[in-house]
Amino acid sequence: MTPFERAQAAAWNELSRQGVQTPVDPESINGALDMRAIVHAILTAIHEPSQEMAEAGAEVIRAVSADEIADAYQSDAANTWRLMVDILLERG
């Protein structure tokens, strides 16, 4: 399963847990809801990292490239996040 497919399955499972939807196999979705579109919308909504996420990612980037300024680390971390979400959206 791809991360996108895992997100779809998790969304179905959460709907089931809340009693909104009976348990279903994501492979045999009846079309009542387009979970792929829902997950796509969620990933699109989180495409931009928060400041805290960029700062946390900067710590990782800083360890790899210690000669940049702080803003550059945050920018690199934010760009890494965006690229990762873009791959999720592109490849599903």
PDB file of N, CA and C in Angstrom:
ATOM      1  N   MET A   1       0.838  -1.195   0.000  1.00  0.00           N
ATOM      2  CA  MET A   1       0.000   0.000   0.000  1.00  0.00           C
ATOM      3  C   MET A   1       0.874   1.246   0.000  1.00  0.00           C
ATOM      4  N   THR A   2       0.479   2.203  -0.813  1.00  0.00           N
ATOM      5  CA  THR A   2       1.187   3.475  -0.814  1.00  0.00           C
ATOM      6  C   THR A   2       0.725   4.313   0.374  1.00  0.00           C
ATOM      7  N   PRO A   3       1.469   5.365   0.743  1.00  0.00           N
ATOM      8  CA  PRO A   3       0.992   6.238   1.818  1.00  0.00           C
ATOM      9  C   PRO A   3      -0.403   6.807   1.516  1.00  0.00           C
ATOM     10  N   PHE A   4      -0.654   7.130   0.253  1.00  0.00           N
ATOM     11  CA  PHE A   4      -1.965   7.660  -0.131  1.00  0.00           C
ATOM     12  C   PHE A   4      -3.044   6.618   0.136  1.00  0.00           C
ATOM     13  N   GLU A   5      -2.792   5.368  -0.247  1.00  0.00           N
ATOM     14  CA  GLU A   5      -3.760   4.295  -0.015  1.00  0.00           C
ATOM     15  C   GLU A   5      -3.944   4.035   1.477  1.00  0.00           C
ATOM     16  N   ARG A   6      -2.854   4.137   2.234  1.00  0.00           N
ATOM     17  CA  ARG A   6      -2.974   3.966   3.689  1.00  0.00           C
ATOM     18  C   ARG A   6      -3.835   5.075   4.280  1.00  0.00           C
ATOM     19  N   ALA A   7      -3.697   6.293   3.746  1.00  0.00           N
ATOM     20  CA  ALA A   7      -4.520   7.411   4.224  1.00  0.00           C
ATOM     21  C   ALA A   7      -5.993   7.156   3.916  1.00  0.00           C
ATOM     22  N   GLN A   8      -6.275   6.631   2.727  1.00  0.00           N
ATOM     23  CA  GLN A   8      -7.655   6.304   2.382  1.00  0.00           C
ATOM     24  C   GLN A   8      -8.212   5.240   3.332  1.00  0.00           C
ATOM     25  N   ALA A   9      -7.433   4.191   3.563  1.00  0.00           N
ATOM     26  CA  ALA A   9      -7.886   3.119   4.451  1.00  0.00           C
ATOM     27  C   ALA A   9      -8.091   3.653   5.866  1.00  0.00           C
ATOM     28  N   ALA A  10      -7.181   4.498   6.326  1.00  0.00           N
ATOM     29  CA  ALA A  10      -7.314   5.076   7.669  1.00  0.00           C
ATOM     30  C   ALA A  10      -8.574   5.922   7.771  1.00  0.00           C
ATOM     31  N   ALA A  11      -8.878   6.665   6.721  1.00  0.00           N
ATOM     32  CA  ALA A  11     -10.087   7.488   6.732  1.00  0.00           C
ATOM     33  C   ALA A  11     -11.334   6.600   6.805  1.00  0.00           C
ATOM     34  N   TRP A  12     -11.358   5.516   6.023  1.00  0.00           N
ATOM     35  CA  TRP A  12     -12.495   4.586   6.086  1.00  0.00           C
ATOM     36  C   TRP A  12     -12.607   3.973   7.468  1.00  0.00           C
ATOM     37  N   ASN A  13     -11.473   3.577   8.032  1.00  0.00           N
ATOM     38  CA  ASN A  13     -11.488   2.973   9.366  1.00  0.00           C
ATOM     39  C   ASN A  13     -11.998   3.947  10.416  1.00  0.00           C
ATOM     40  N   GLU A  14     -11.618   5.204  10.296  1.00  0.00           N
ATOM     41  CA  GLU A  14     -12.087   6.202  11.265  1.00  0.00           C
ATOM     42  C   GLU A  14     -13.582   6.443  11.101  1.00  0.00           C
ATOM     43  N   LEU A  15     -14.067   6.483   9.875  1.00  0.00           N
ATOM     44  CA  LEU A  15     -15.517   6.608   9.663  1.00  0.00           C
ATOM     45  C   LEU A  15     -16.240   5.424  10.286  1.00  0.00           C
ATOM     46  N   SER A  16     -15.668   4.247  10.131  1.00  0.00           N
ATOM     47  CA  SER A  16     -16.263   3.048  10.727  1.00  0.00           C
ATOM     48  C   SER A  16     -16.252   3.149  12.249  1.00  0.00           C
ATOM     49  N   ARG A  17     -15.115   3.574  12.812  1.00  0.00           N
ATOM     50  CA  ARG A  17     -14.996   3.683  14.271  1.00  0.00           C
ATOM     51  C   ARG A  17     -16.032   4.644  14.832  1.00  0.00           C
ATOM     52  N   GLN A  18     -16.303   5.708  14.084  1.00  0.00           N
ATOM     53  CA  GLN A  18     -17.272   6.692  14.545  1.00  0.00           C
ATOM     54  C   GLN A  18     -18.706   6.285  14.228  1.00  0.00           C
ATOM     55  N   GLY A  19     -18.883   5.144  13.598  1.00  0.00           N
ATOM     56  CA  GLY A  19     -20.221   4.661  13.298  1.00  0.00           C
ATOM     57  C   GLY A  19     -20.861   5.311  12.088  1.00  0.00           C
ATOM     58  N   VAL A  20     -20.067   6.035  11.309  1.00  0.00           N
ATOM     59  CA  VAL A  20     -20.598   6.723  10.130  1.00  0.00           C
ATOM     60  C   VAL A  20     -20.691   5.766   8.951  1.00  0.00           C
ATOM     61  N   GLN A  21     -19.770   4.835   8.896  1.00  0.00           N
ATOM     62  CA  GLN A  21     -19.683   3.912   7.774  1.00  0.00           C
ATOM     63  C   GLN A  21     -19.417   2.518   8.332  1.00  0.00           C
ATOM     64  N   THR A  22     -20.070   1.504   7.779  1.00  0.00           N
ATOM     65  CA  THR A  22     -19.763   0.142   8.192  1.00  0.00           C
ATOM     66  C   THR A  22     -18.385  -0.217   7.655  1.00  0.00           C
ATOM     67  N   PRO A  23     -17.695  -1.141   8.316  1.00  0.00           N
ATOM     68  CA  PRO A  23     -16.354  -1.512   7.839  1.00  0.00           C
ATOM     69  C   PRO A  23     -16.395  -1.952   6.384  1.00  0.00           C
ATOM     70  N   VAL A  24     -15.428  -1.468   5.620  1.00  0.00           N
ATOM     71  CA  VAL A  24     -15.354  -1.826   4.206  1.00  0.00           C
ATOM     72  C   VAL A  24     -13.918  -2.140   3.847  1.00  0.00           C
ATOM     73  N   ASP A  25     -13.782  -2.933   2.817  1.00  0.00           N
ATOM     74  CA  ASP A  25     -12.485  -3.174   2.215  1.00  0.00           C
ATOM     75  C   ASP A  25     -12.265  -2.026   1.235  1.00  0.00           C
ATOM     76  N   PRO A  26     -11.194  -1.239   1.417  1.00  0.00           N
ATOM     77  CA  PRO A  26     -10.975  -0.100   0.515  1.00  0.00           C
ATOM     78  C   PRO A  26     -10.963  -0.485  -0.957  1.00  0.00           C
ATOM     79  N   GLU A  27     -10.678  -1.748  -1.266  1.00  0.00           N
ATOM     80  CA  GLU A  27     -10.659  -2.196  -2.660  1.00  0.00           C
ATOM     81  C   GLU A  27     -12.068  -2.367  -3.232  1.00  0.00           C
ATOM     82  N   SER A  28     -13.069  -2.459  -2.360  1.00  0.00           N
ATOM     83  CA  SER A  28     -14.433  -2.694  -2.842  1.00  0.00           C
ATOM     84  C   SER A  28     -15.382  -1.592  -2.395  1.00  0.00           C
ATOM     85  N   ILE A  29     -14.918  -0.358  -2.443  1.00  0.00           N
ATOM     86  CA  ILE A  29     -15.738   0.794  -2.047  1.00  0.00           C
ATOM     87  C   ILE A  29     -16.922   0.912  -2.994  1.00  0.00           C
ATOM     88  N   ASN A  30     -18.097   1.144  -2.418  1.00  0.00           N
ATOM     89  CA  ASN A  30     -19.324   1.137  -3.208  1.00  0.00           C
ATOM     90  C   ASN A  30     -19.611   2.440  -3.952  1.00  0.00           C
ATOM     91  N   GLY A  31     -18.756   3.418  -3.860  1.00  0.00           N
ATOM     92  CA  GLY A  31     -18.956   4.656  -4.593  1.00  0.00           C
ATOM     93  C   GLY A  31     -19.781   5.693  -3.867  1.00  0.00           C
ATOM     94  N   ALA A  32     -20.277   5.376  -2.666  1.00  0.00           N
ATOM     95  CA  ALA A  32     -21.080   6.343  -1.930  1.00  0.00           C
ATOM     96  C   ALA A  32     -20.260   7.580  -1.579  1.00  0.00           C
ATOM     97  N   LEU A  33     -19.004   7.376  -1.272  1.00  0.00           N
ATOM     98  CA  LEU A  33     -18.081   8.471  -1.004  1.00  0.00           C
ATOM     99  C   LEU A  33     -16.846   8.267  -1.862  1.00  0.00           C
ATOM    100  N   ASP A  34     -16.282   9.337  -2.354  1.00  0.00           N
ATOM    101  CA  ASP A  34     -15.038   9.252  -3.117  1.00  0.00           C
ATOM    102  C   ASP A  34     -13.893   9.552  -2.157  1.00  0.00           C
ATOM    103  N   MET A  35     -13.445   8.503  -1.451  1.00  0.00           N
ATOM    104  CA  MET A  35     -12.417   8.690  -0.439  1.00  0.00           C
ATOM    105  C   MET A  35     -11.119   9.178  -1.052  1.00  0.00           C
ATOM    106  N   ARG A  36     -10.825   8.774  -2.268  1.00  0.00           N
ATOM    107  CA  ARG A  36      -9.606   9.257  -2.937  1.00  0.00           C
ATOM    108  C   ARG A  36      -9.650  10.773  -3.050  1.00  0.00           C
ATOM    109  N   ALA A  37     -10.779  11.317  -3.444  1.00  0.00           N
ATOM    110  CA  ALA A  37     -10.915  12.771  -3.558  1.00  0.00           C
ATOM    111  C   ALA A  37     -10.819  13.441  -2.190  1.00  0.00           C
ATOM    112  N   ILE A  38     -11.369  12.796  -1.185  1.00  0.00           N
ATOM    113  CA  ILE A  38     -11.307  13.347   0.174  1.00  0.00           C
ATOM    114  C   ILE A  38      -9.862  13.399   0.655  1.00  0.00           C
ATOM    115  N   VAL A  39      -9.125  12.289   0.483  1.00  0.00           N
ATOM    116  CA  VAL A  39      -7.724  12.254   0.905  1.00  0.00           C
ATOM    117  C   VAL A  39      -6.909  13.264   0.099  1.00  0.00           C
ATOM    118  N   HIS A  40      -7.176  13.373  -1.185  1.00  0.00           N
ATOM    119  CA  HIS A  40      -6.472  14.355  -2.026  1.00  0.00           C
ATOM    120  C   HIS A  40      -6.704  15.768  -1.490  1.00  0.00           C
ATOM    121  N   ALA A  41      -7.935  16.065  -1.123  1.00  0.00           N
ATOM    122  CA  ALA A  41      -8.251  17.394  -0.584  1.00  0.00           C
ATOM    123  C   ALA A  41      -7.515  17.640   0.730  1.00  0.00           C
ATOM    124  N   ILE A  42      -7.433  16.622   1.563  1.00  0.00           N
ATOM    125  CA  ILE A  42      -6.726  16.766   2.842  1.00  0.00           C
ATOM    126  C   ILE A  42      -5.245  17.015   2.599  1.00  0.00           C
ATOM    127  N   LEU A  43      -4.636  16.219   1.726  1.00  0.00           N
ATOM    128  CA  LEU A  43      -3.210  16.406   1.453  1.00  0.00           C
ATOM    129  C   LEU A  43      -2.938  17.766   0.814  1.00  0.00           C
ATOM    130  N   THR A  44      -3.839  18.220  -0.032  1.00  0.00           N
ATOM    131  CA  THR A  44      -3.695  19.546  -0.616  1.00  0.00           C
ATOM    132  C   THR A  44      -3.751  20.606   0.482  1.00  0.00           C
ATOM    133  N   ALA A  45      -4.639  20.394   1.451  1.00  0.00           N
ATOM    134  CA  ALA A  45      -4.791  21.354   2.548  1.00  0.00           C
ATOM    135  C   ALA A  45      -3.551  21.421   3.430  1.00  0.00           C
ATOM    136  N   ILE A  46      -2.827  20.311   3.563  1.00  0.00           N
ATOM    137  CA  ILE A  46      -1.633  20.307   4.417  1.00  0.00           C
ATOM    138  C   ILE A  46      -0.346  20.472   3.621  1.00  0.00           C
ATOM    139  N   HIS A  47      -0.466  20.841   2.365  1.00  0.00           N
ATOM    140  CA  HIS A  47       0.702  21.001   1.502  1.00  0.00           C
ATOM    141  C   HIS A  47       1.703  21.995   2.085  1.00  0.00           C
ATOM    142  N   GLU A  48       1.217  23.073   2.628  1.00  0.00           N
ATOM    143  CA  GLU A  48       2.103  24.079   3.227  1.00  0.00           C
ATOM    144  C   GLU A  48       2.384  23.717   4.681  1.00  0.00           C
ATOM    145  N   PRO A  49       3.652  23.568   5.042  1.00  0.00           N
ATOM    146  CA  PRO A  49       3.976  23.233   6.430  1.00  0.00           C
ATOM    147  C   PRO A  49       3.767  24.437   7.343  1.00  0.00           C
ATOM    148  N   SER A  50       3.517  24.138   8.602  1.00  0.00           N
ATOM    149  CA  SER A  50       3.425  25.221   9.584  1.00  0.00           C
ATOM    150  C   SER A  50       4.834  25.716   9.900  1.00  0.00           C
ATOM    151  N   GLN A  51       4.903  26.848  10.562  1.00  0.00           N
ATOM    152  CA  GLN A  51       6.201  27.387  10.970  1.00  0.00           C
ATOM    153  C   GLN A  51       6.926  26.390  11.871  1.00  0.00           C
ATOM    154  N   GLU A  52       6.177  25.755  12.777  1.00  0.00           N
ATOM    155  CA  GLU A  52       6.774  24.780  13.682  1.00  0.00           C
ATOM    156  C   GLU A  52       7.331  23.582  12.927  1.00  0.00           C
ATOM    157  N   MET A  53       6.615  23.152  11.898  1.00  0.00           N
ATOM    158  CA  MET A  53       7.102  22.033  11.095  1.00  0.00           C
ATOM    159  C   MET A  53       8.385  22.414  10.363  1.00  0.00           C
ATOM    160  N   ALA A  54       8.408  23.622   9.796  1.00  0.00           N
ATOM    161  CA  ALA A  54       9.601  24.083   9.091  1.00  0.00           C
ATOM    162  C   ALA A  54      10.785  24.176  10.046  1.00  0.00           C
ATOM    163  N   GLU A  55      10.528  24.650  11.262  1.00  0.00           N
ATOM    164  CA  GLU A  55      11.598  24.747  12.262  1.00  0.00           C
ATOM    165  C   GLU A  55      12.111  23.371  12.655  1.00  0.00           C
ATOM    166  N   ALA A  56      11.197  22.421  12.836  1.00  0.00           N
ATOM    167  CA  ALA A  56      11.601  21.061  13.192  1.00  0.00           C
ATOM    168  C   ALA A  56      12.405  20.423  12.063  1.00  0.00           C
ATOM    169  N   GLY A  57      11.940  20.617  10.852  1.00  0.00           N
ATOM    170  CA  GLY A  57      12.674  20.093   9.700  1.00  0.00           C
ATOM    171  C   GLY A  57      14.024  20.743   9.537  1.00  0.00           C
ATOM    172  N   ALA A  58      14.108  22.011   9.928  1.00  0.00           N
ATOM    173  CA  ALA A  58      15.383  22.726   9.828  1.00  0.00           C
ATOM    174  C   ALA A  58      16.451  22.063  10.679  1.00  0.00           C
ATOM    175  N   GLU A  59      16.033  21.479  11.804  1.00  0.00           N
ATOM    176  CA  GLU A  59      16.994  20.780  12.660  1.00  0.00           C
ATOM    177  C   GLU A  59      17.642  19.619  11.899  1.00  0.00           C
ATOM    178  N   VAL A  60      16.840  18.917  11.120  1.00  0.00           N
ATOM    179  CA  VAL A  60      17.369  17.800  10.335  1.00  0.00           C
ATOM    180  C   VAL A  60      18.276  18.329   9.224  1.00  0.00           C
ATOM    181  N   ILE A  61      17.810  19.344   8.522  1.00  0.00           N
ATOM    182  CA  ILE A  61      18.592  19.924   7.429  1.00  0.00           C
ATOM    183  C   ILE A  61      19.903  20.485   7.961  1.00  0.00           C
ATOM    184  N   ARG A  62      19.840  21.133   9.107  1.00  0.00           N
ATOM    185  CA  ARG A  62      21.032  21.737   9.716  1.00  0.00           C
ATOM    186  C   ARG A  62      22.106  20.675   9.966  1.00  0.00           C
ATOM    187  N   ALA A  63      21.676  19.501  10.364  1.00  0.00           N
ATOM    188  CA  ALA A  63      22.633  18.424  10.635  1.00  0.00           C
ATOM    189  C   ALA A  63      23.332  17.967   9.356  1.00  0.00           C
ATOM    190  N   VAL A  64      22.664  18.123   8.219  1.00  0.00           N
ATOM    191  CA  VAL A  64      23.232  17.702   6.938  1.00  0.00           C
ATOM    192  C   VAL A  64      24.108  18.800   6.339  1.00  0.00           C
ATOM    193  N   SER A  65      23.672  20.038   6.470  1.00  0.00           N
ATOM    194  CA  SER A  65      24.379  21.158   5.853  1.00  0.00           C
ATOM    195  C   SER A  65      24.524  22.275   6.875  1.00  0.00           C
ATOM    196  N   ALA A  66      25.609  22.243   7.612  1.00  0.00           N
ATOM    197  CA  ALA A  66      25.782  23.135   8.757  1.00  0.00           C
ATOM    198  C   ALA A  66      26.176  24.558   8.393  1.00  0.00           C
ATOM    199  N   ASP A  67      26.364  24.868   7.125  1.00  0.00           N
ATOM    200  CA  ASP A  67      26.870  26.197   6.777  1.00  0.00           C
ATOM    201  C   ASP A  67      25.804  27.175   6.284  1.00  0.00           C
ATOM    202  N   GLU A  68      24.525  26.845   6.396  1.00  0.00           N
ATOM    203  CA  GLU A  68      23.451  27.749   5.960  1.00  0.00           C
ATOM    204  C   GLU A  68      22.972  28.619   7.111  1.00  0.00           C
ATOM    205  N   ILE A  69      22.224  29.688   6.770  1.00  0.00           N
ATOM    206  CA  ILE A  69      21.606  30.529   7.792  1.00  0.00           C
ATOM    207  C   ILE A  69      20.276  29.902   8.216  1.00  0.00           C
ATOM    208  N   ALA A  70      19.750  30.307   9.364  1.00  0.00           N
ATOM    209  CA  ALA A  70      18.545  29.689   9.939  1.00  0.00           C
ATOM    210  C   ALA A  70      17.359  29.714   8.982  1.00  0.00           C
ATOM    211  N   ASP A  71      17.116  30.846   8.316  1.00  0.00           N
ATOM    212  CA  ASP A  71      15.983  30.928   7.395  1.00  0.00           C
ATOM    213  C   ASP A  71      16.120  29.938   6.244  1.00  0.00           C
ATOM    214  N   ALA A  72      17.336  29.700   5.809  1.00  0.00           N
ATOM    215  CA  ALA A  72      17.558  28.755   4.713  1.00  0.00           C
ATOM    216  C   ALA A  72      17.218  27.344   5.153  1.00  0.00           C
ATOM    217  N   TYR A  73      17.544  26.987   6.397  1.00  0.00           N
ATOM    218  CA  TYR A  73      17.191  25.669   6.914  1.00  0.00           C
ATOM    219  C   TYR A  73      15.678  25.477   6.903  1.00  0.00           C
ATOM    220  N   GLN A  74      14.955  26.483   7.376  1.00  0.00           N
ATOM    221  CA  GLN A  74      13.498  26.386   7.413  1.00  0.00           C
ATOM    222  C   GLN A  74      12.931  26.291   6.003  1.00  0.00           C
ATOM    223  N   SER A  75      13.489  27.053   5.088  1.00  0.00           N
ATOM    224  CA  SER A  75      13.038  27.009   3.702  1.00  0.00           C
ATOM    225  C   SER A  75      13.296  25.627   3.100  1.00  0.00           C
ATOM    226  N   ASP A  76      14.490  25.078   3.351  1.00  0.00           N
ATOM    227  CA  ASP A  76      14.809  23.733   2.853  1.00  0.00           C
ATOM    228  C   ASP A  76      13.850  22.695   3.428  1.00  0.00           C
ATOM    229  N   ALA A  77      13.586  22.797   4.723  1.00  0.00           N
ATOM    230  CA  ALA A  77      12.682  21.842   5.369  1.00  0.00           C
ATOM    231  C   ALA A  77      11.268  21.972   4.802  1.00  0.00           C
ATOM    232  N   ALA A  78      10.802  23.191   4.621  1.00  0.00           N
ATOM    233  CA  ALA A  78       9.463  23.412   4.067  1.00  0.00           C
ATOM    234  C   ALA A  78       9.382  22.881   2.638  1.00  0.00           C
ATOM    235  N   ASN A  79      10.431  23.117   1.860  1.00  0.00           N
ATOM    236  CA  ASN A  79      10.449  22.610   0.488  1.00  0.00           C
ATOM    237  C   ASN A  79      10.463  21.086   0.461  1.00  0.00           C
ATOM    238  N   THR A  80      11.181  20.482   1.389  1.00  0.00           N
ATOM    239  CA  THR A  80      11.200  19.020   1.483  1.00  0.00           C
ATOM    240  C   THR A  80       9.806  18.499   1.762  1.00  0.00           C
ATOM    241  N   TRP A  81       9.103  19.129   2.714  1.00  0.00           N
ATOM    242  CA  TRP A  81       7.724  18.736   3.033  1.00  0.00           C
ATOM    243  C   TRP A  81       6.831  18.865   1.801  1.00  0.00           C
ATOM    244  N   ARG A  82       6.913  20.010   1.118  1.00  0.00           N
ATOM    245  CA  ARG A  82       6.072  20.222  -0.068  1.00  0.00           C
ATOM    246  C   ARG A  82       6.343  19.155  -1.128  1.00  0.00           C
ATOM    247  N   LEU A  83       7.615  18.864  -1.351  1.00  0.00           N
ATOM    248  CA  LEU A  83       7.961  17.850  -2.345  1.00  0.00           C
ATOM    249  C   LEU A  83       7.421  16.485  -1.955  1.00  0.00           C
ATOM    250  N   MET A  84       7.476  16.161  -0.674  1.00  0.00           N
ATOM    251  CA  MET A  84       6.949  14.883  -0.215  1.00  0.00           C
ATOM    252  C   MET A  84       5.436  14.816  -0.421  1.00  0.00           C
ATOM    253  N   VAL A  85       4.731  15.881  -0.109  1.00  0.00           N
ATOM    254  CA  VAL A  85       3.278  15.902  -0.315  1.00  0.00           C
ATOM    255  C   VAL A  85       2.968  15.878  -1.813  1.00  0.00           C
ATOM    256  N   ASP A  86       3.751  16.592  -2.612  1.00  0.00           N
ATOM    257  CA  ASP A  86       3.548  16.577  -4.061  1.00  0.00           C
ATOM    258  C   ASP A  86       3.656  15.153  -4.616  1.00  0.00           C
ATOM    259  N   ILE A  87       4.641  14.401  -4.129  1.00  0.00           N
ATOM    260  CA  ILE A  87       4.799  13.015  -4.581  1.00  0.00           C
ATOM    261  C   ILE A  87       3.586  12.191  -4.181  1.00  0.00           C
ATOM    262  N   LEU A  88       3.092  12.378  -2.953  1.00  0.00           N
ATOM    263  CA  LEU A  88       1.879  11.681  -2.525  1.00  0.00           C
ATOM    264  C   LEU A  88       0.712  12.002  -3.441  1.00  0.00           C
ATOM    265  N   LEU A  89       0.547  13.283  -3.750  1.00  0.00           N
ATOM    266  CA  LEU A  89      -0.573  13.691  -4.593  1.00  0.00           C
ATOM    267  C   LEU A  89      -0.416  13.181  -6.022  1.00  0.00           C
ATOM    268  N   GLU A  90       0.799  13.206  -6.517  1.00  0.00           N
ATOM    269  CA  GLU A  90       1.060  12.797  -7.892  1.00  0.00           C
ATOM    270  C   GLU A  90       0.916  11.292  -8.088  1.00  0.00           C
ATOM    271  N   ARG A  91       1.446  10.526  -7.151  1.00  0.00           N
ATOM    272  CA  ARG A  91       1.501   9.071  -7.321  1.00  0.00           C
ATOM    273  C   ARG A  91       0.377   8.331  -6.636  1.00  0.00           C
ATOM    274  N   GLY A  92      -0.298   9.055  -5.710  1.00  0.00           N
ATOM    275  CA  GLY A  92      -1.439   8.465  -5.026  1.00  0.00           C
ATOM    276  C   GLY A  92      -1.146   7.296  -4.223  1.00  0.00           C
TER     277      GLY A  92
END
